């Protein structure tokens, strides 16, 4: 009989891995199950650098939030936020400006269940169960509408989430719906797996990871820089544009490393004019 953790809603099938919980495990979190850990170990066996990529994405998030608060943004809509870990958006943003408001959105009930007690005493942060692919559901959620003022600039964060949205769902159209709900001076931030620049053993390992994910959860959709620009059409990328994660406004040259393309993930921040 499966030992169900107290944080797991009864309606959730814990024998099936979840992207949010696998990510949590790779970050060293405790909100994951045996199925999640087994999948993570399979990924690490094929490509040990998967954990480094997750760390790079977390560092990218920190730099993005720091940049956006520096631009005067005080409202964040973090879609596909996953399970709270170290260095969450509200902690980063409110540490820079206590007035910052953060609405977390995820389609995994466990991510929301885990976030709610963490945010209980924070009047300027909330967590909502909704799916990026249903913009009206996200934008119209009462908790989102009560916290986020869409007459003022908002930063929409979609980090390591879009690769689960197939082309058949038309991610550019979906992103356009969010763009249309934002005022000038708002931003979107996106990180997304890409095999661009990968060759030889690195490319083979990356493809093997994609196959493992597809066979256990859902297909992994990798995209090029041009694909990402099409998805965020109507926003204007801020320098340095679409680049591999270590290249996006690094804290130091040492953080870039010799092969930033080995992160296999692009990052971009773009503004609504």
Protein backbone atom coordinates (compact mmCIF):
# COMPACT_ATOMS: atom_id res chain seq x y z
CA UNK A 1 0.00 0.00 0.00
CA UNK A 2 1.31 3.42 -0.97
CA UNK A 3 2.24 5.60 1.99
CA UNK A 4 0.56 8.90 1.11
CA UNK A 5 2.34 12.02 2.42
CA UNK A 6 0.22 14.50 4.36
CA UNK A 7 0.80 17.19 1.70
CA UNK A 8 -0.65 15.08 -1.13
CA UNK A 9 -4.33 15.59 -2.05
CA UNK A 10 -6.18 12.25 -2.10
CA UNK A 11 -7.29 12.61 -5.73
CA UNK A 12 -3.72 12.72 -7.03
CA UNK A 13 -2.14 9.57 -8.50
CA UNK A 14 1.24 9.44 -6.78
CA UNK A 15 2.41 6.50 -8.88
CA UNK A 16 2.72 8.82 -11.90
CA UNK A 17 5.68 11.24 -11.93
CA UNK A 18 5.00 14.97 -11.97
CA UNK A 19 7.25 17.52 -13.66
CA UNK A 20 6.87 19.90 -10.71
CA UNK A 21 7.83 17.22 -8.18
CA UNK A 22 10.78 15.95 -10.26
CA UNK A 23 12.01 19.54 -10.43
CA UNK A 24 11.56 19.79 -6.66
CA UNK A 25 13.68 16.67 -6.14
CA UNK A 26 16.44 17.96 -8.41
CA UNK A 27 16.51 21.16 -6.35
CA UNK A 28 16.87 19.13 -3.15
CA UNK A 29 13.27 19.62 -1.98
CA UNK A 30 11.13 17.20 0.00
CA UNK A 31 7.81 17.40 -1.86
CA UNK A 32 8.27 14.37 -4.12
CA UNK A 33 7.35 10.69 -4.28
CA UNK A 34 9.14 7.46 -5.10
CA UNK A 35 7.91 7.72 -8.71
CA UNK A 36 9.31 11.25 -9.01
CA UNK A 37 12.65 10.25 -7.54
CA UNK A 38 12.91 7.22 -9.80
CA UNK A 39 12.33 9.34 -12.90
CA UNK A 40 14.84 11.95 -11.70
CA UNK A 41 17.44 9.23 -11.15
CA UNK A 42 16.85 7.90 -14.67
CA UNK A 43 17.40 11.39 -16.07
CA UNK A 44 20.56 11.88 -14.01
CA UNK A 45 21.91 8.52 -15.12
CA UNK A 46 21.57 9.51 -18.76
CA UNK A 47 22.63 13.14 -18.28
CA UNK A 48 24.15 14.05 -14.89
CA UNK A 49 24.14 17.74 -15.81
CA UNK A 50 20.32 17.84 -15.54
CA UNK A 51 20.70 18.97 -11.93
CA UNK A 52 23.06 21.76 -13.06
CA UNK A 53 20.51 22.88 -15.63
CA UNK A 54 17.84 23.13 -12.95
CA UNK A 55 20.24 25.17 -10.82
CA UNK A 56 21.01 27.46 -13.77
CA UNK A 57 17.30 28.03 -14.28
CA UNK A 58 16.90 28.95 -10.62
CA UNK A 59 19.77 31.41 -10.92
CA UNK A 60 18.17 32.83 -14.06
CA UNK A 61 14.96 33.36 -12.08
CA UNK A 62 16.87 35.29 -9.44
CA UNK A 63 18.53 37.55 -12.00
CA UNK A 64 15.24 38.10 -13.84
CA UNK A 65 13.36 39.13 -10.69
CA UNK A 66 16.22 41.42 -9.67
CA UNK A 67 16.22 43.04 -13.11
CA UNK A 68 12.43 43.50 -13.20
CA UNK A 69 12.20 45.01 -9.73
CA UNK A 70 14.98 47.34 -10.84
CA UNK A 71 12.74 48.40 -13.72
CA UNK A 72 10.03 49.33 -11.27
CA UNK A 73 7.89 46.20 -11.64
CA UNK A 74 6.11 45.27 -8.41
CA UNK A 75 3.60 42.68 -9.69
CA UNK A 76 4.45 39.14 -10.76
CA UNK A 77 2.29 36.40 -12.28
CA UNK A 78 4.38 33.23 -12.07
CA UNK A 79 2.71 30.61 -14.29
CA UNK A 80 3.96 27.05 -13.96
CA UNK A 81 5.54 28.08 -10.69
CA UNK A 82 5.97 24.54 -9.41
CA UNK A 83 6.54 23.56 -5.80
CA UNK A 84 7.96 26.23 -3.49
CA UNK A 85 11.66 25.76 -2.86
CA UNK A 86 14.57 28.02 -1.97
CA UNK A 87 14.55 31.48 -3.54
CA UNK A 88 10.89 31.77 -4.50
CA UNK A 89 9.68 34.79 -6.46
CA UNK A 90 7.91 36.43 -3.51
CA UNK A 91 10.99 36.03 -1.33
CA UNK A 92 13.26 37.51 -3.99
CA UNK A 93 10.95 40.33 -5.04
CA UNK A 94 9.75 41.34 -1.58
CA UNK A 95 13.33 41.23 -0.34
CA UNK A 96 14.06 43.98 -2.87
CA UNK A 97 10.76 45.85 -2.53
CA UNK A 98 8.31 44.85 0.24
CA UNK A 99 5.40 46.19 -1.84
CA UNK A 100 5.81 43.48 -4.50
CA UNK A 101 2.77 41.29 -5.17
CA UNK A 102 3.13 37.72 -6.45
CA UNK A 103 0.47 35.35 -7.78
CA UNK A 104 1.69 31.78 -8.30
CA UNK A 105 -0.19 29.63 -10.81
CA UNK A 106 0.26 25.91 -11.42
CA UNK A 107 -1.87 23.05 -12.74
CA UNK A 108 -0.46 20.60 -10.18
CA UNK A 109 -2.71 20.47 -7.08
CA UNK A 110 0.26 19.36 -4.98
CA UNK A 111 2.22 22.49 -5.89
CA UNK A 112 -0.69 24.65 -4.74
CA UNK A 113 -1.35 22.59 -1.61
CA UNK A 114 2.31 22.92 -0.65
CA UNK A 115 2.35 26.68 -1.37
CA UNK A 116 -0.78 27.66 0.56
CA UNK A 117 0.60 27.23 4.12
CA UNK A 118 3.85 28.93 3.09
CA UNK A 119 1.91 31.99 1.93
CA UNK A 120 -0.76 32.01 4.65
CA UNK A 121 0.77 34.96 6.51
CA UNK A 122 1.77 36.86 3.38
CA UNK A 123 -1.00 39.23 2.26
CA UNK A 124 0.88 40.09 -0.92
CA UNK A 125 1.25 36.56 -2.32
CA UNK A 126 -1.19 33.85 -3.33
CA UNK A 127 -1.27 30.49 -5.13
CA UNK A 128 -3.92 29.48 -7.69
CA UNK A 129 -4.72 26.14 -9.31
CA UNK A 130 -5.01 26.88 -13.05
CA UNK A 131 -3.40 26.03 -16.39
CA UNK A 132 -1.45 28.34 -18.73
CA UNK A 133 -3.47 26.86 -21.59
CA UNK A 134 -6.62 28.44 -20.15
CA UNK A 135 -5.76 32.17 -20.07
CA UNK A 136 -9.26 33.22 -19.02
CA UNK A 137 -9.08 30.81 -16.08
CA UNK A 138 -5.71 32.24 -14.99
CA UNK A 139 -6.46 35.90 -15.58
CA UNK A 140 -9.96 35.66 -14.17
CA UNK A 141 -9.14 33.73 -11.02
CA UNK A 142 -10.56 35.69 -8.06
CA UNK A 143 -7.32 35.38 -6.09
CA UNK A 144 -5.37 36.75 -9.04
CA UNK A 145 -7.80 39.61 -9.70
CA UNK A 146 -7.87 40.62 -6.04
CA UNK A 147 -4.07 40.80 -5.83
CA UNK A 148 -2.85 41.87 -9.27
CA UNK A 149 -3.84 45.23 -10.76
CA UNK A 150 -3.78 44.76 -14.52
CA UNK A 151 -4.01 48.52 -15.02
CA UNK A 152 -0.40 48.61 -13.81
CA UNK A 153 2.68 46.78 -15.22
CA UNK A 154 2.85 43.05 -14.53
CA UNK A 155 5.67 40.58 -15.15
CA UNK A 156 4.46 37.21 -16.45
CA UNK A 157 7.00 34.48 -15.68
CA UNK A 158 6.90 31.20 -17.62
CA UNK A 159 10.08 29.39 -16.66
CA UNK A 160 10.68 25.79 -17.75
CA UNK A 161 6.98 25.37 -18.43
CA UNK A 162 6.33 26.06 -22.10
CA UNK A 163 8.04 22.86 -23.25
CA UNK A 164 4.97 20.96 -22.03
CA UNK A 165 2.72 23.06 -24.30
CA UNK A 166 2.55 21.40 -27.75
CA UNK A 167 2.47 23.33 -31.00
CA UNK A 168 -1.08 22.04 -31.48
CA UNK A 169 -2.14 24.21 -28.51
CA UNK A 170 -0.68 27.27 -30.32
CA UNK A 171 1.51 28.71 -27.55
CA UNK A 172 1.94 31.98 -29.47
CA UNK A 173 -1.82 32.52 -29.49
CA UNK A 174 -2.03 31.70 -25.79
CA UNK A 175 0.81 34.06 -24.94
CA UNK A 176 -0.92 36.70 -27.04
CA UNK A 177 -3.95 36.47 -24.78
CA UNK A 178 -1.76 37.25 -21.77
CA UNK A 179 -0.02 40.04 -23.68
CA UNK A 180 -3.36 41.65 -24.53
CA UNK A 181 -4.29 41.69 -20.84
CA UNK A 182 -1.14 43.63 -19.92
CA UNK A 183 -0.46 47.36 -20.09
CA UNK A 184 2.59 48.98 -21.63
CA UNK A 185 5.65 48.58 -19.43
CA UNK A 186 4.78 44.97 -18.57
CA UNK A 187 7.17 42.07 -19.20
CA UNK A 188 7.29 38.39 -19.99
CA UNK A 189 10.15 36.11 -18.97
CA UNK A 190 10.61 32.67 -20.48
CA UNK A 191 13.08 29.82 -20.20
CA UNK A 192 12.78 26.87 -22.53
CA UNK A 193 14.76 23.72 -23.44
CA UNK A 194 16.51 23.79 -26.80
CA UNK A 195 19.00 21.45 -28.41
CA UNK A 196 20.48 24.30 -30.46
CA UNK A 197 24.26 24.16 -30.18
CA UNK A 198 24.26 20.59 -28.86
CA UNK A 199 26.40 18.14 -30.78
CA UNK A 200 27.73 14.61 -30.46
CA UNK A 201 27.38 13.01 -27.04
CA UNK A 202 25.60 16.03 -25.56
CA UNK A 203 22.92 15.92 -28.25
CA UNK A 204 22.48 12.16 -27.87
CA UNK A 205 22.10 12.50 -24.10
CA UNK A 206 19.60 15.34 -24.51
CA UNK A 207 17.51 13.29 -26.92
CA UNK A 208 17.59 10.35 -24.52
CA UNK A 209 16.28 12.60 -21.73
CA UNK A 210 13.45 13.71 -24.02
CA UNK A 211 12.50 10.12 -24.70
CA UNK A 212 12.46 9.23 -21.00
CA UNK A 213 10.22 12.19 -20.19
CA UNK A 214 7.87 11.38 -23.07
CA UNK A 215 7.52 7.77 -21.98
CA UNK A 216 6.77 8.60 -18.35
CA UNK A 217 4.92 11.94 -18.31
CA UNK A 218 4.22 13.81 -21.52
CA UNK A 219 6.18 14.84 -24.63
CA UNK A 220 8.99 17.35 -24.21
CA UNK A 221 8.80 20.02 -26.92
CA UNK A 222 12.19 21.59 -27.63
CA UNK A 223 12.27 24.82 -29.63
CA UNK A 224 14.71 27.17 -31.33
CA UNK A 225 15.38 30.82 -30.54
CA UNK A 226 13.21 31.81 -33.52
CA UNK A 227 10.39 29.65 -32.16
CA UNK A 228 10.56 31.48 -28.84
CA UNK A 229 10.51 34.86 -30.55
CA UNK A 230 7.34 33.82 -32.34
CA UNK A 231 5.77 32.77 -29.05
CA UNK A 232 6.48 36.16 -27.46
CA UNK A 233 5.58 38.20 -30.56
CA UNK A 234 4.37 41.65 -29.57
CA UNK A 235 6.92 41.88 -26.78
CA UNK A 236 10.34 43.43 -27.38
CA UNK A 237 13.28 41.37 -26.02
CA UNK A 238 15.62 43.30 -23.75
CA UNK A 239 19.37 42.80 -24.29
CA UNK A 240 20.91 40.29 -24.63
CA UNK A 241 17.78 38.77 -26.22
CA UNK A 242 17.29 35.01 -26.49
CA UNK A 243 20.45 33.37 -25.14
CA UNK A 244 21.47 30.28 -23.23
CA UNK A 245 20.82 30.73 -19.52
CA UNK A 246 24.39 31.48 -18.36
CA UNK A 247 24.59 34.31 -20.91
CA UNK A 248 21.56 36.25 -19.68
CA UNK A 249 22.99 39.13 -17.64
CA UNK A 250 25.43 36.98 -15.63
CA UNK A 251 26.70 38.22 -12.30
CA UNK A 252 30.28 37.63 -13.45
CA UNK A 253 32.22 36.23 -16.41
CA UNK A 254 33.04 33.18 -14.31
CA UNK A 255 29.33 32.30 -14.18
CA UNK A 256 29.20 31.90 -17.96
CA UNK A 257 31.68 29.06 -18.22
CA UNK A 258 33.32 27.73 -21.36
CA UNK A 259 30.23 26.14 -22.90
CA UNK A 260 27.05 28.05 -22.00
CA UNK A 261 25.19 26.16 -24.75
CA UNK A 262 25.54 22.98 -22.69
CA UNK A 263 22.77 24.29 -20.43
CA UNK A 264 20.40 23.28 -23.26
CA UNK A 265 17.98 25.98 -22.13
CA UNK A 266 17.31 29.42 -23.58
CA UNK A 267 16.22 32.40 -21.51
CA UNK A 268 14.66 35.69 -22.57
CA UNK A 269 12.97 38.69 -20.99
CA UNK A 270 10.83 40.95 -23.15
CA UNK A 271 8.83 44.13 -22.58
CA UNK A 272 5.43 45.19 -23.86
CA UNK A 273 5.91 48.54 -25.60
